[in-house]
C-alpha atoms as a PDB file:
ATOM      1  CA  MET A   1      10.085  30.666  19.028  1.00  0.00           C
ATOM      2  CA  PRO A   2       6.498  30.863  17.734  1.00  0.00           C
ATOM      3  CA  LEU A   3       5.239  29.044  14.671  1.00  0.00           C
ATOM      4  CA  HIS A   4       5.117  31.273  11.599  1.00  0.00           C
ATOM      5  CA  PHE A   5       3.407  31.022   8.224  1.00  0.00           C
ATOM      6  CA  GLU A   6       6.382  29.137   6.774  1.00  0.00           C
ATOM      7  CA  ASP A   7       6.105  26.400   9.428  1.00  0.00           C
ATOM      8  CA  PHE A   8       2.885  25.114   7.819  1.00  0.00           C
ATOM      9  CA  ALA A   9       2.357  23.321   4.509  1.00  0.00           C
ATOM     10  CA  ALA A  10      -0.734  22.413   2.506  1.00  0.00           C
ATOM     11  CA  GLY A  11      -1.735  18.861   3.349  1.00  0.00           C
ATOM     12  CA  ASN A  12      -0.263  18.867   6.856  1.00  0.00           C
ATOM     13  CA  VAL A  13      -2.475  17.124   9.419  1.00  0.00           C
ATOM     14  CA  ALA A  14      -2.241  17.433  13.213  1.00  0.00           C
ATOM     15  CA  CYS A  15      -4.437  16.127  16.043  1.00  0.00           C
ATOM     16  CA  TYR A  16      -5.238  17.801  19.364  1.00  0.00           C
ATOM     17  CA  GLY A  17      -6.952  16.626  22.516  1.00  0.00           C
ATOM     18  CA  PRO A  18      -8.633  14.664  23.930  1.00  0.00           C
ATOM     19  CA  ARG A  19     -11.083  16.599  26.057  1.00  0.00           C
ATOM     20  CA  THR A  20     -13.982  14.904  27.814  1.00  0.00           C
ATOM     21  CA  ILE A  21     -17.182  16.931  28.079  1.00  0.00           C
ATOM     22  CA  THR A  22     -19.281  16.647  31.226  1.00  0.00           C
ATOM     23  CA  ARG A  23     -22.993  16.933  31.931  1.00  0.00           C
ATOM     24  CA  ASP A  24     -22.338  19.938  34.166  1.00  0.00           C
ATOM     25  CA  GLU A  25     -20.412  21.748  31.403  1.00  0.00           C
ATOM     26  CA  ILE A  26     -23.210  21.118  28.908  1.00  0.00           C
ATOM     27  CA  LEU A  27     -25.840  22.467  31.315  1.00  0.00           C
ATOM     28  CA  ALA A  28     -23.747  25.496  32.367  1.00  0.00           C
ATOM     29  CA  PHE A  29     -23.018  26.533  28.771  1.00  0.00           C
ATOM     30  CA  ALA A  30     -26.639  26.001  27.743  1.00  0.00           C
ATOM     31  CA  LEU A  31     -28.088  27.963  30.651  1.00  0.00           C
ATOM     32  CA  GLU A  32     -25.902  30.929  29.801  1.00  0.00           C
ATOM     33  CA  PHE A  33     -25.769  30.869  25.999  1.00  0.00           C
ATOM     34  CA  ASP A  34     -28.173  28.380  24.345  1.00  0.00           C
ATOM     35  CA  PRO A  35     -31.062  27.454  26.693  1.00  0.00           C
ATOM     36  CA  GLN A  36     -32.922  25.222  24.260  1.00  0.00           C
ATOM     37  CA  PRO A  37     -34.472  22.187  26.007  1.00  0.00           C
ATOM     38  CA  MET A  38     -32.152  19.604  24.437  1.00  0.00           C
ATOM     39  CA  HIS A  39     -29.162  21.457  25.946  1.00  0.00           C
ATOM     40  CA  ALA A  40     -30.501  22.861  29.199  1.00  0.00           C
ATOM     41  CA  ASP A  41     -33.078  20.431  30.601  1.00  0.00           C
ATOM     42  CA  GLU A  42     -32.369  16.702  30.895  1.00  0.00           C
ATOM     43  CA  GLU A  43     -36.014  15.685  31.239  1.00  0.00           C
ATOM     44  CA  ALA A  44     -37.169  17.818  28.319  1.00  0.00           C
ATOM     45  CA  ALA A  45     -34.180  16.602  26.266  1.00  0.00           C
ATOM     46  CA  ARG A  46     -35.413  12.995  26.529  1.00  0.00           C
ATOM     47  CA  ALA A  47     -38.589  14.055  24.696  1.00  0.00           C
ATOM     48  CA  THR A  48     -36.688  15.597  21.747  1.00  0.00           C
ATOM     49  CA  MET A  49     -35.619  13.795  18.571  1.00  0.00           C
ATOM     50  CA  LEU A  50     -32.147  13.516  20.155  1.00  0.00           C
ATOM     51  CA  GLY A  51     -33.483  11.421  23.030  1.00  0.00           C
ATOM     52  CA  GLY A  52     -31.347  13.011  25.719  1.00  0.00           C
ATOM     53  CA  LEU A  53     -29.057  15.825  26.783  1.00  0.00           C
ATOM     54  CA  VAL A  54     -26.636  17.079  24.101  1.00  0.00           C
ATOM     55  CA  ALA A  55     -24.131  19.917  23.915  1.00  0.00           C
ATOM     56  CA  SER A  56     -25.032  23.033  21.976  1.00  0.00           C
ATOM     57  CA  GLY A  57     -23.349  23.235  18.598  1.00  0.00           C
ATOM     58  CA  TRP A  58     -21.871  26.545  19.726  1.00  0.00           C
ATOM     59  CA  HIS A  59     -20.442  24.783  22.769  1.00  0.00           C
ATOM     60  CA  THR A  60     -18.743  22.240  20.511  1.00  0.00           C
ATOM     61  CA  CYS A  61     -17.314  25.113  18.449  1.00  0.00           C
ATOM     62  CA  ALA A  62     -15.948  26.669  21.645  1.00  0.00           C
ATOM     63  CA  LEU A  63     -14.403  23.323  22.637  1.00  0.00           C
ATOM     64  CA  LEU A  64     -12.802  23.053  19.199  1.00  0.00           C
ATOM     65  CA  MET A  65     -11.321  26.527  19.658  1.00  0.00           C
ATOM     66  CA  ARG A  66      -9.908  25.531  23.037  1.00  0.00           C
ATOM     67  CA  LEU A  67      -8.333  22.371  21.638  1.00  0.00           C
ATOM     68  CA  ILE A  68      -6.660  24.159  18.723  1.00  0.00           C
ATOM     69  CA  ALA A  69      -5.624  27.081  20.949  1.00  0.00           C
ATOM     70  CA  ASP A  70      -3.852  24.688  23.301  1.00  0.00           C
ATOM     71  CA  GLY A  71      -2.613  22.604  20.375  1.00  0.00           C
ATOM     72  CA  PHE A  72      -0.976  25.259  18.216  1.00  0.00           C
ATOM     73  CA  VAL A  73      -2.615  28.685  18.047  1.00  0.00           C
ATOM     74  CA  LEU A  74      -1.127  29.965  21.318  1.00  0.00           C
ATOM     75  CA  ALA A  75       2.312  28.741  20.168  1.00  0.00           C
ATOM     76  CA  SER A  76       2.047  30.613  16.858  1.00  0.00           C
ATOM     77  CA  ALA A  77       2.383  34.157  15.585  1.00  0.00           C
ATOM     78  CA  SER A  78      -1.402  34.199  15.147  1.00  0.00           C
ATOM     79  CA  MET A  79      -3.090  37.396  14.088  1.00  0.00           C
ATOM     80  CA  GLY A  80      -6.632  36.052  14.407  1.00  0.00           C
ATOM     81  CA  SER A  81      -9.045  34.971  11.714  1.00  0.00           C
ATOM     82  CA  PRO A  82     -11.002  36.817   9.041  1.00  0.00           C
ATOM     83  CA  GLY A  83     -13.944  34.477   9.676  1.00  0.00           C
ATOM     84  CA  VAL A  84     -15.421  31.022   9.360  1.00  0.00           C
ATOM     85  CA  ASP A  85     -16.353  29.659   5.948  1.00  0.00           C
ATOM     86  CA  GLU A  86     -18.373  26.652   7.080  1.00  0.00           C
ATOM     87  CA  VAL A  87     -19.612  24.923  10.228  1.00  0.00           C
ATOM     88  CA  ARG A  88     -21.419  21.586  10.189  1.00  0.00           C
ATOM     89  CA  TRP A  89     -22.814  19.822  13.241  1.00  0.00           C
ATOM     90  CA  LEU A  90     -22.931  16.181  12.150  1.00  0.00           C
ATOM     91  CA  LYS A  91     -23.669  14.175  15.302  1.00  0.00           C
ATOM     92  CA  PRO A  92     -24.776  15.082  18.822  1.00  0.00           C
ATOM     93  CA  VAL A  93     -22.150  15.505  21.539  1.00  0.00           C
ATOM     94  CA  ARG A  94     -23.263  13.863  24.767  1.00  0.00           C
ATOM     95  CA  PRO A  95     -22.024  13.926  28.365  1.00  0.00           C
ATOM     96  CA  GLY A  96     -18.916  11.765  28.705  1.00  0.00           C
ATOM     97  CA  ASP A  97     -17.852  12.081  25.059  1.00  0.00           C
ATOM     98  CA  SER A  98     -14.091  12.360  24.622  1.00  0.00           C
ATOM     99  CA  LEU A  99     -13.348  14.794  21.812  1.00  0.00           C
ATOM    100  CA  THR A 100     -10.276  15.279  19.643  1.00  0.00           C
ATOM    101  CA  VAL A 101      -9.652  17.618  16.728  1.00  0.00           C
ATOM    102  CA  ARG A 102      -7.938  16.726  13.472  1.00  0.00           C
ATOM    103  CA  SER A 103      -6.749  19.855  11.645  1.00  0.00           C
ATOM    104  CA  THR A 104      -5.734  19.766   7.991  1.00  0.00           C
ATOM    105  CA  VAL A 105      -4.063  22.648   6.158  1.00  0.00           C
ATOM    106  CA  LEU A 106      -6.121  23.070   2.979  1.00  0.00           C
ATOM    107  CA  ASP A 107      -4.476  26.096   1.412  1.00  0.00           C
ATOM    108  CA  MET A 108      -1.892  28.789   2.074  1.00  0.00           C
ATOM    109  CA  ARG A 109      -1.378  32.163   0.495  1.00  0.00           C
ATOM    110  CA  PRO A 110       0.697  35.213   1.314  1.00  0.00           C
ATOM    111  CA  SER A 111      -1.245  38.402   1.908  1.00  0.00           C
ATOM    112  CA  GLY A 112      -1.468  40.622  -1.148  1.00  0.00           C
ATOM    113  CA  SER A 113      -1.524  43.809   0.912  1.00  0.00           C
ATOM    114  CA  ARG A 114       0.643  42.953   3.959  1.00  0.00           C
ATOM    115  CA  PRO A 115       3.861  41.146   3.008  1.00  0.00           C
ATOM    116  CA  GLY A 116       4.514  40.300   6.671  1.00  0.00           C
ATOM    117  CA  MET A 117       1.558  37.926   6.933  1.00  0.00           C
ATOM    118  CA  GLY A 118      -0.189  35.051   5.220  1.00  0.00           C
ATOM    119  CA  PHE A 119      -3.496  33.214   5.309  1.00  0.00           C
ATOM    120  CA  ILE A 120      -3.783  29.528   6.147  1.00  0.00           C
ATOM    121  CA  LYS A 121      -7.082  27.772   5.467  1.00  0.00           C
ATOM    122  CA  PHE A 122      -7.831  24.830   7.792  1.00  0.00           C
ATOM    123  CA  ARG A 123     -10.438  22.106   7.873  1.00  0.00           C
ATOM    124  CA  HIS A 124     -10.989  21.096  11.501  1.00  0.00           C
ATOM    125  CA  GLU A 125     -12.815  17.845  12.231  1.00  0.00           C
ATOM    126  CA  MET A 126     -13.964  17.082  15.769  1.00  0.00           C
ATOM    127  CA  LEU A 127     -14.105  13.360  16.492  1.00  0.00           C
ATOM    128  CA  ASN A 128     -15.626  11.529  19.425  1.00  0.00           C
ATOM    129  CA  GLN A 129     -14.182   8.515  21.232  1.00  0.00           C
ATOM    130  CA  THR A 130     -15.463   6.140  18.518  1.00  0.00           C
ATOM    131  CA  ASP A 131     -13.908   8.269  15.735  1.00  0.00           C
ATOM    132  CA  ASN A 132     -17.281   9.537  14.563  1.00  0.00           C
ATOM    133  CA  CYS A 133     -17.022  13.052  13.188  1.00  0.00           C
ATOM    134  CA  VAL A 134     -19.352  15.286  15.211  1.00  0.00           C
ATOM    135  CA  LEU A 135     -18.345  18.691  13.787  1.00  0.00           C
ATOM    136  CA  THR A 136     -16.491  20.149  10.837  1.00  0.00           C
ATOM    137  CA  LEU A 137     -15.323  23.740  10.656  1.00  0.00           C
ATOM    138  CA  VAL A 138     -13.460  25.413   7.793  1.00  0.00           C
ATOM    139  CA  SER A 139     -11.784  28.743   8.465  1.00  0.00           C
ATOM    140  CA  SER A 140      -8.679  30.748   7.730  1.00  0.00           C
ATOM    141  CA  MET A 141      -6.047  32.003  10.122  1.00  0.00           C
ATOM    142  CA  MET A 142      -3.885  35.082   9.647  1.00  0.00           C
ATOM    143  CA  ILE A 143      -0.338  34.406  10.766  1.00  0.00           C
ATOM    144  CA  ALA A 144       2.868  36.428  10.679  1.00  0.00           C
ATOM    145  CA  ARG A 145       5.617  35.385   8.300  1.00  0.00           C
ATOM    146  CA  ARG A 146       9.084  34.559   9.576  1.00  0.00           C
ATOM    147  CA  GLY A 147      10.964  37.714  10.556  1.00  0.00           C
ATOM    148  CA  PHE A 148       7.766  39.507  11.557  1.00  0.00           C
ATOM    149  CA  THR A 149       5.810  39.746  14.776  1.00  0.00           C
ATOM    150  CA  PRO A 150       2.036  40.024  14.530  1.00  0.00           C
ATOM    151  CA  ALA A 151       2.330  43.800  15.144  1.00  0.00           C
ATOM    152  CA  SER A 152       5.055  44.344  12.552  1.00  0.00           C
ATOM    153  CA  ALA A 153       3.190  42.136  10.057  1.00  0.00           C
ATOM    154  CA  MET A 154       0.105  44.348  10.367  1.00  0.00           C
ATOM    155  CA  ALA A 155       2.245  47.429   9.815  1.00  0.00           C
ATOM    156  CA  SER A 156       4.062  45.856   6.847  1.00  0.00           C
ATOM    157  CA  GLY A 157       1.444  47.038   4.335  1.00  0.00           C
ATOM    158  CA  ARG A 158       0.794  50.501   5.674  1.00  0.00           C
ATOM    159  CA  ALA A 159       1.976  53.599   3.863  1.00  0.00           C
ATOM    160  CA  GLN A 160       4.511  55.525   5.883  1.00  0.00           C
END
C-alpha cells in the first residue's frame, strides 16, 4: 500500500542513501548537460578556484532526486511537485564522495481546491561521507490523501 498524505507529519526526518559518485559519472553528466571546465575537463578543473574536478550542481540535484525516489517517492501516492522553492550548493561534490540525503517534513496542508490531495513541504539536505552538507533543496510534493489514488485525487476538485 503506498504512502499517503496522512502517513507524514511535520517534523519527521528520514535518511536515504548512500550513493557514491564516480569520476566517470561526473564527466558523462557534464559533457551532456553542463560542460563547464570544472565539471568536464580534469586538467582545466585543477586551474579553477575549486582545484579539481567537481560534479555539476544540477548533477547533485539529480542524485538527490534519485535518492528520494528510491527512498520514498516511488512508494508513495505522489502526484509530482509544484516546484522548488530553494536550492543551495554549499560545498563541491568530488569523485568518490558518498552522498546521503536527510529529508525533513517542514509543513503540511490539505489542498484548498482538491480535497483528495495535500501538499508536503520538505527540506532535503545532501551530506557527504564526513557529514558536511553539500546541497540543500526546499520543495513541496503533491500527494494523494488516504482513500484516493493520484488520478482520483486530481479529479476530486473538478466540477462534474
